[in-house]
């Protein structure tokens, strides 16, 4: 059943019904599903998964894309759960004191204020004094 559903989704995006999703088919499909992707990232995606080199993605190639996106979404959900635990007041950003408390509580690691200042300088890329989800996610990926 899942295979058939994926086939329907993929063929629905194939505007000229040639069995392949062109760059434009993919761009419109991502756009209509609310998934923001730049033309450059989309071009990279096609180059990465277009195993037969025809400049478009066939059903098998698109299944590979869907598998990677699914794995990526699951990973993002896991990172978001950890972020939300550390964001103790729920304001969608982690302060220095929240990070310090979370490290002590969950990792049994205690940092001085000076050490925390150093950590924040390295993690707070936009220098607003907080760690947002994007910054947190980026750091998690650096340490994997």
N, C-alpha and C. Protein backbone atom coordinates (compact mmCIF):
# COMPACT_ATOMS: atom_id res chain seq x y z
N UNK A 1 0.82 -1.20 0.00
CA UNK A 1 0.00 0.00 0.00
C UNK A 1 0.87 1.26 0.00
N UNK A 2 1.92 1.30 0.84
CA UNK A 2 2.80 2.48 0.87
C UNK A 2 3.46 2.69 -0.48
N UNK A 3 3.87 1.60 -1.11
CA UNK A 3 4.52 1.69 -2.42
C UNK A 3 3.56 2.35 -3.41
N UNK A 4 2.29 1.93 -3.40
CA UNK A 4 1.31 2.49 -4.32
C UNK A 4 1.08 3.98 -4.02
N UNK A 5 1.00 4.34 -2.73
CA UNK A 5 0.80 5.75 -2.37
C UNK A 5 1.96 6.60 -2.86
N UNK A 6 3.17 6.11 -2.70
CA UNK A 6 4.34 6.85 -3.17
C UNK A 6 4.31 7.00 -4.69
N UNK A 7 3.90 5.94 -5.37
CA UNK A 7 3.81 5.98 -6.84
C UNK A 7 2.81 7.05 -7.28
N UNK A 8 1.67 7.13 -6.58
CA UNK A 8 0.65 8.14 -6.91
C UNK A 8 1.21 9.54 -6.69
N UNK A 9 1.89 9.75 -5.57
CA UNK A 9 2.46 11.07 -5.27
C UNK A 9 3.47 11.47 -6.33
N UNK A 10 4.34 10.55 -6.70
CA UNK A 10 5.38 10.86 -7.68
C UNK A 10 4.79 11.10 -9.06
N UNK A 11 3.86 10.25 -9.50
CA UNK A 11 3.30 10.43 -10.84
C UNK A 11 2.42 11.67 -10.91
N UNK A 12 1.84 12.09 -9.79
CA UNK A 12 1.03 13.31 -9.79
C UNK A 12 1.88 14.53 -10.13
N UNK A 13 3.16 14.50 -9.78
CA UNK A 13 4.04 15.62 -10.07
C UNK A 13 4.61 15.60 -11.48
N UNK A 14 4.43 14.51 -12.17
CA UNK A 14 4.98 14.33 -13.52
C UNK A 14 4.01 14.96 -14.52
N UNK A 15 4.21 16.24 -14.79
CA UNK A 15 3.25 17.02 -15.58
C UNK A 15 3.08 16.52 -17.01
N UNK A 16 4.13 16.02 -17.63
CA UNK A 16 3.98 15.55 -19.02
C UNK A 16 3.87 14.03 -19.10
N UNK A 17 3.78 13.37 -17.94
CA UNK A 17 3.56 11.92 -17.85
C UNK A 17 4.59 11.09 -18.63
N UNK A 18 5.87 11.52 -18.55
CA UNK A 18 6.92 10.76 -19.22
C UNK A 18 7.64 9.78 -18.28
N UNK A 19 7.14 9.70 -17.04
CA UNK A 19 7.75 8.77 -16.09
C UNK A 19 8.95 9.34 -15.37
N UNK A 20 9.22 10.63 -15.56
CA UNK A 20 10.36 11.29 -14.93
C UNK A 20 9.91 12.63 -14.37
N UNK A 21 10.53 13.05 -13.28
CA UNK A 21 10.26 14.37 -12.72
C UNK A 21 11.40 15.30 -13.12
N UNK A 22 11.08 16.26 -13.95
CA UNK A 22 12.07 17.24 -14.38
C UNK A 22 12.35 18.22 -13.25
N UNK A 23 13.34 19.06 -13.45
CA UNK A 23 13.66 20.09 -12.46
C UNK A 23 12.42 20.92 -12.17
N UNK A 24 11.70 21.32 -13.21
CA UNK A 24 10.51 22.16 -13.03
C UNK A 24 9.40 21.39 -12.32
N UNK A 25 9.22 20.10 -12.65
CA UNK A 25 8.23 19.27 -11.95
C UNK A 25 8.55 19.24 -10.45
N UNK A 26 9.82 19.03 -10.14
CA UNK A 26 10.25 18.95 -8.74
C UNK A 26 10.07 20.29 -8.04
N UNK A 27 10.46 21.37 -8.70
CA UNK A 27 10.34 22.70 -8.10
C UNK A 27 8.88 23.00 -7.76
N UNK A 28 8.00 22.74 -8.70
CA UNK A 28 6.58 23.00 -8.47
C UNK A 28 6.01 22.07 -7.40
N UNK A 29 6.45 20.81 -7.41
CA UNK A 29 5.98 19.86 -6.41
C UNK A 29 6.38 20.25 -5.00
N UNK A 30 7.64 20.63 -4.82
CA UNK A 30 8.09 21.08 -3.51
C UNK A 30 7.34 22.34 -3.09
N UNK A 31 7.20 23.27 -4.01
CA UNK A 31 6.53 24.54 -3.72
C UNK A 31 5.07 24.31 -3.32
N UNK A 32 4.36 23.47 -4.05
CA UNK A 32 2.94 23.24 -3.74
C UNK A 32 2.74 22.47 -2.44
N UNK A 33 3.76 21.71 -2.02
CA UNK A 33 3.64 20.99 -0.75
C UNK A 33 4.12 21.82 0.43
N UNK A 34 4.53 23.06 0.17
CA UNK A 34 4.96 23.94 1.25
C UNK A 34 6.39 23.73 1.71
N UNK A 35 7.14 22.95 0.97
CA UNK A 35 8.54 22.67 1.31
C UNK A 35 9.42 23.67 0.58
N UNK A 36 10.10 24.55 1.32
CA UNK A 36 10.94 25.57 0.69
C UNK A 36 12.30 24.98 0.36
N UNK A 37 12.67 25.07 -0.90
CA UNK A 37 13.99 24.63 -1.34
C UNK A 37 14.47 25.61 -2.41
N UNK A 38 15.72 26.02 -2.30
CA UNK A 38 16.26 26.95 -3.28
C UNK A 38 16.54 26.21 -4.58
N UNK A 39 16.62 26.95 -5.67
CA UNK A 39 16.94 26.33 -6.97
C UNK A 39 18.30 25.64 -6.91
N UNK A 40 19.24 26.25 -6.20
CA UNK A 40 20.58 25.66 -6.08
C UNK A 40 20.53 24.33 -5.33
N UNK A 41 19.77 24.29 -4.22
CA UNK A 41 19.64 23.04 -3.47
C UNK A 41 18.91 21.98 -4.28
N UNK A 42 17.91 22.41 -5.04
CA UNK A 42 17.17 21.47 -5.88
C UNK A 42 18.07 20.90 -6.97
N UNK A 43 18.90 21.77 -7.54
CA UNK A 43 19.85 21.31 -8.56
C UNK A 43 20.82 20.29 -7.96
N UNK A 44 21.30 20.56 -6.74
CA UNK A 44 22.20 19.63 -6.05
C UNK A 44 21.49 18.30 -5.78
N UNK A 45 20.22 18.37 -5.40
CA UNK A 45 19.44 17.17 -5.13
C UNK A 45 19.33 16.30 -6.38
N UNK A 46 19.00 16.94 -7.51
CA UNK A 46 18.88 16.20 -8.77
C UNK A 46 20.23 15.58 -9.13
N UNK A 47 21.31 16.35 -9.02
CA UNK A 47 22.63 15.81 -9.37
C UNK A 47 23.00 14.63 -8.47
N UNK A 48 22.62 14.71 -7.20
CA UNK A 48 22.97 13.65 -6.25
C UNK A 48 22.21 12.36 -6.52
N UNK A 49 20.93 12.46 -6.90
CA UNK A 49 20.09 11.27 -7.01
C UNK A 49 19.83 10.81 -8.44
N UNK A 50 20.21 11.59 -9.42
CA UNK A 50 19.99 11.24 -10.82
C UNK A 50 21.05 10.24 -11.27
N UNK A 51 20.83 8.98 -10.94
CA UNK A 51 21.85 7.96 -11.18
C UNK A 51 22.03 7.62 -12.66
N UNK A 52 20.99 7.83 -13.47
CA UNK A 52 21.15 7.52 -14.90
C UNK A 52 21.60 8.74 -15.71
N UNK A 53 21.75 9.89 -15.05
CA UNK A 53 22.31 11.07 -15.70
C UNK A 53 21.44 11.74 -16.75
N UNK A 54 20.13 11.52 -16.70
CA UNK A 54 19.26 12.12 -17.71
C UNK A 54 18.74 13.51 -17.32
N UNK A 55 19.14 14.02 -16.16
CA UNK A 55 18.74 15.36 -15.73
C UNK A 55 17.38 15.42 -15.07
N UNK A 56 16.75 14.26 -14.87
CA UNK A 56 15.45 14.19 -14.21
C UNK A 56 15.47 12.99 -13.27
N UNK A 57 14.45 12.88 -12.42
CA UNK A 57 14.39 11.76 -11.49
C UNK A 57 13.26 10.81 -11.87
N UNK A 58 13.62 9.54 -12.07
CA UNK A 58 12.60 8.54 -12.35
C UNK A 58 12.04 8.02 -11.02
N UNK A 59 11.14 7.06 -11.08
CA UNK A 59 10.48 6.58 -9.87
C UNK A 59 11.47 6.04 -8.84
N UNK A 60 12.39 5.20 -9.27
CA UNK A 60 13.37 4.61 -8.35
C UNK A 60 14.25 5.69 -7.72
N UNK A 61 14.68 6.65 -8.53
CA UNK A 61 15.52 7.73 -8.00
C UNK A 61 14.73 8.58 -7.00
N UNK A 62 13.45 8.82 -7.30
CA UNK A 62 12.63 9.62 -6.41
C UNK A 62 12.35 8.89 -5.10
N UNK A 63 12.25 7.56 -5.14
CA UNK A 63 12.10 6.79 -3.90
C UNK A 63 13.32 6.99 -3.00
N UNK A 64 14.49 7.07 -3.59
CA UNK A 64 15.70 7.32 -2.81
C UNK A 64 15.64 8.69 -2.15
N UNK A 65 15.16 9.69 -2.89
CA UNK A 65 15.01 11.04 -2.33
C UNK A 65 14.03 10.99 -1.15
N UNK A 66 12.91 10.33 -1.33
CA UNK A 66 11.90 10.26 -0.28
C UNK A 66 12.44 9.56 0.97
N UNK A 67 13.25 8.53 0.78
CA UNK A 67 13.84 7.82 1.92
C UNK A 67 14.77 8.73 2.70
N UNK A 68 15.60 9.50 2.00
CA UNK A 68 16.52 10.42 2.66
C UNK A 68 15.75 11.53 3.38
N UNK A 69 14.72 12.08 2.74
CA UNK A 69 13.92 13.13 3.37
C UNK A 69 13.20 12.60 4.61
N UNK A 70 12.71 11.37 4.54
CA UNK A 70 12.03 10.76 5.69
C UNK A 70 13.00 10.60 6.85
N UNK A 71 14.20 10.10 6.56
CA UNK A 71 15.21 9.93 7.61
C UNK A 71 15.59 11.28 8.20
N UNK A 72 15.72 12.28 7.34
CA UNK A 72 16.07 13.63 7.79
C UNK A 72 14.99 14.20 8.69
N UNK A 73 13.73 13.97 8.35
CA UNK A 73 12.63 14.47 9.18
C UNK A 73 12.59 13.79 10.54
N UNK A 74 12.87 12.48 10.58
CA UNK A 74 12.90 11.76 11.85
C UNK A 74 14.03 12.30 12.73
N UNK A 75 15.17 12.55 12.11
CA UNK A 75 16.32 13.09 12.85
C UNK A 75 16.00 14.48 13.39
N UNK A 76 15.36 15.30 12.56
CA UNK A 76 14.98 16.65 13.00
C UNK A 76 14.03 16.58 14.18
N UNK A 77 13.08 15.65 14.14
CA UNK A 77 12.13 15.49 15.24
C UNK A 77 12.85 15.13 16.54
N UNK A 78 13.86 14.26 16.44
CA UNK A 78 14.62 13.87 17.63
C UNK A 78 15.40 15.05 18.19
N UNK A 79 16.03 15.81 17.32
CA UNK A 79 16.79 16.99 17.76
C UNK A 79 15.85 18.01 18.38
N UNK A 80 14.67 18.16 17.79
CA UNK A 80 13.70 19.12 18.31
C UNK A 80 13.22 18.73 19.72
N UNK A 81 13.07 17.44 19.97
CA UNK A 81 12.68 16.98 21.31
C UNK A 81 13.73 17.36 22.34
N UNK A 82 14.99 17.14 22.00
CA UNK A 82 16.08 17.50 22.92
C UNK A 82 16.10 19.01 23.13
N UNK A 83 15.95 19.77 22.04
CA UNK A 83 15.93 21.24 22.14
C UNK A 83 14.81 21.68 23.08
N UNK A 84 13.63 21.11 22.92
CA UNK A 84 12.48 21.51 23.74
C UNK A 84 12.68 21.19 25.22
N UNK A 85 13.38 20.10 25.51
CA UNK A 85 13.70 19.78 26.90
C UNK A 85 14.63 20.83 27.49
N UNK A 86 15.61 21.26 26.70
CA UNK A 86 16.58 22.24 27.17
C UNK A 86 15.98 23.65 27.24
N UNK A 87 14.99 23.92 26.42
CA UNK A 87 14.28 25.21 26.43
C UNK A 87 13.25 25.19 27.55
N UNK A 88 13.72 25.36 28.75
CA UNK A 88 12.91 25.13 29.94
C UNK A 88 11.70 26.06 30.07
N UNK A 89 11.79 27.28 29.54
CA UNK A 89 10.65 28.19 29.65
C UNK A 89 9.78 28.19 28.39
N UNK A 90 10.15 27.40 27.39
CA UNK A 90 9.32 27.24 26.21
C UNK A 90 9.25 28.42 25.27
N UNK A 91 10.25 29.29 25.29
CA UNK A 91 10.23 30.48 24.42
C UNK A 91 10.93 30.27 23.08
N UNK A 92 11.24 29.03 22.75
CA UNK A 92 11.84 28.64 21.46
C UNK A 92 13.29 29.10 21.31
N UNK A 93 13.94 29.32 22.42
CA UNK A 93 15.37 29.64 22.41
C UNK A 93 15.95 29.23 23.76
N UNK A 94 17.22 28.88 23.75
CA UNK A 94 17.90 28.41 24.96
C UNK A 94 18.84 29.50 25.44
N UNK A 95 18.64 29.92 26.67
CA UNK A 95 19.52 30.93 27.27
C UNK A 95 20.76 30.25 27.84
N UNK A 96 21.71 31.05 28.21
CA UNK A 96 22.93 30.53 28.82
C UNK A 96 22.59 29.76 30.10
N UNK A 97 21.71 30.31 30.91
CA UNK A 97 21.36 29.63 32.17
C UNK A 97 20.59 28.34 31.92
N UNK A 98 19.73 28.31 30.89
CA UNK A 98 19.03 27.07 30.56
C UNK A 98 20.02 26.00 30.10
N UNK A 99 20.97 26.39 29.28
CA UNK A 99 21.98 25.44 28.81
C UNK A 99 22.81 24.93 29.97
N UNK A 100 23.20 25.83 30.85
CA UNK A 100 24.01 25.46 32.01
C UNK A 100 23.22 24.49 32.90
N UNK A 101 21.95 24.77 33.14
CA UNK A 101 21.11 23.89 33.97
C UNK A 101 20.91 22.54 33.31
N UNK A 102 20.65 22.53 32.01
CA UNK A 102 20.43 21.27 31.29
C UNK A 102 21.68 20.41 31.30
N UNK A 103 22.83 21.02 31.10
CA UNK A 103 24.09 20.28 31.12
C UNK A 103 24.31 19.65 32.50
N UNK A 104 24.01 20.39 33.55
CA UNK A 104 24.18 19.87 34.91
C UNK A 104 23.17 18.76 35.20
N UNK A 105 21.92 18.97 34.79
CA UNK A 105 20.85 18.04 35.09
C UNK A 105 20.93 16.75 34.28
N UNK A 106 21.13 16.87 32.98
CA UNK A 106 21.06 15.70 32.11
C UNK A 106 22.41 15.07 31.79
N UNK A 107 23.47 15.83 31.88
CA UNK A 107 24.79 15.31 31.52
C UNK A 107 25.73 15.23 32.72
N UNK A 108 25.25 15.68 33.88
CA UNK A 108 26.07 15.72 35.09
C UNK A 108 27.40 16.42 34.83
N UNK A 109 27.30 17.51 34.04
CA UNK A 109 28.47 18.30 33.69
C UNK A 109 28.24 19.73 34.18
N UNK A 110 29.19 20.23 34.94
CA UNK A 110 29.04 21.56 35.52
C UNK A 110 30.08 22.50 34.92
N UNK A 111 29.60 23.60 34.34
CA UNK A 111 30.47 24.59 33.73
C UNK A 111 30.40 25.88 34.52
N UNK A 112 31.54 26.56 34.63
CA UNK A 112 31.55 27.88 35.26
C UNK A 112 30.89 28.89 34.32
N UNK A 113 30.57 30.07 34.84
CA UNK A 113 29.99 31.12 34.01
C UNK A 113 30.94 31.50 32.88
N UNK A 114 32.23 31.53 33.16
CA UNK A 114 33.22 31.86 32.14
C UNK A 114 33.23 30.80 31.03
N UNK A 115 33.17 29.52 31.42
CA UNK A 115 33.12 28.45 30.42
C UNK A 115 31.83 28.53 29.61
N UNK A 116 30.72 28.86 30.26
CA UNK A 116 29.45 28.99 29.55
C UNK A 116 29.49 30.15 28.56
N UNK A 117 30.13 31.25 28.95
CA UNK A 117 30.28 32.38 28.02
C UNK A 117 31.03 31.94 26.77
N UNK A 118 32.06 31.14 26.95
CA UNK A 118 32.85 30.65 25.82
C UNK A 118 32.01 29.73 24.93
N UNK A 119 31.24 28.85 25.54
CA UNK A 119 30.38 27.95 24.78
C UNK A 119 29.35 28.76 23.99
N UNK A 120 28.73 29.74 24.63
CA UNK A 120 27.71 30.55 23.96
C UNK A 120 28.31 31.31 22.77
N UNK A 121 29.52 31.80 22.91
CA UNK A 121 30.17 32.51 21.80
C UNK A 121 30.34 31.59 20.59
N UNK A 122 30.59 30.32 20.85
CA UNK A 122 30.82 29.37 19.77
C UNK A 122 29.52 28.86 19.15
N UNK A 123 28.44 28.86 19.91
CA UNK A 123 27.18 28.27 19.46
C UNK A 123 26.16 29.30 19.00
N UNK A 124 26.18 30.47 19.59
CA UNK A 124 25.22 31.54 19.28
C UNK A 124 25.70 32.30 18.05
N UNK A 125 25.40 31.76 16.88
CA UNK A 125 25.94 32.30 15.63
C UNK A 125 25.44 33.72 15.32
N UNK A 126 24.22 34.04 15.72
CA UNK A 126 23.71 35.38 15.41
C UNK A 126 23.96 36.38 16.55
N UNK A 127 24.66 35.93 17.60
CA UNK A 127 25.08 36.78 18.71
C UNK A 127 23.93 37.52 19.38
N UNK A 128 22.77 36.86 19.53
CA UNK A 128 21.66 37.51 20.22
C UNK A 128 21.56 37.10 21.68
N UNK A 129 22.51 36.27 22.15
CA UNK A 129 22.52 35.85 23.54
C UNK A 129 21.73 34.58 23.81
N UNK A 130 21.18 33.99 22.76
CA UNK A 130 20.38 32.77 22.90
C UNK A 130 20.75 31.79 21.80
N UNK A 131 20.38 30.54 22.01
CA UNK A 131 20.58 29.51 20.99
C UNK A 131 19.20 29.17 20.44
N UNK A 132 18.98 29.45 19.16
CA UNK A 132 17.70 29.08 18.55
C UNK A 132 17.81 27.65 18.00
N UNK A 133 16.69 27.14 17.49
CA UNK A 133 16.70 25.75 17.01
C UNK A 133 17.69 25.54 15.88
N UNK A 134 17.78 26.49 14.96
CA UNK A 134 18.70 26.34 13.83
C UNK A 134 20.15 26.23 14.33
N UNK A 135 20.52 27.09 15.27
CA UNK A 135 21.88 27.06 15.82
C UNK A 135 22.12 25.74 16.56
N UNK A 136 21.14 25.33 17.35
CA UNK A 136 21.24 24.08 18.10
C UNK A 136 21.41 22.89 17.17
N UNK A 137 20.58 22.84 16.14
CA UNK A 137 20.62 21.75 15.18
C UNK A 137 21.96 21.71 14.46
N UNK A 138 22.46 22.86 14.08
CA UNK A 138 23.75 22.94 13.39
C UNK A 138 24.87 22.38 14.27
N UNK A 139 24.83 22.72 15.56
CA UNK A 139 25.86 22.22 16.48
C UNK A 139 25.75 20.72 16.68
N UNK A 140 24.54 20.21 16.77
CA UNK A 140 24.35 18.77 16.93
C UNK A 140 24.98 18.04 15.74
N UNK A 141 24.76 18.56 14.54
CA UNK A 141 25.32 17.92 13.34
C UNK A 141 26.85 18.00 13.31
N UNK A 142 27.42 19.03 13.89
CA UNK A 142 28.88 19.15 13.92
C UNK A 142 29.52 18.09 14.82
N UNK A 143 28.78 17.68 15.85
CA UNK A 143 29.34 16.73 16.81
C UNK A 143 28.98 15.29 16.51
N UNK A 144 28.34 15.02 15.39
CA UNK A 144 27.96 13.63 15.05
C UNK A 144 29.07 12.95 14.30
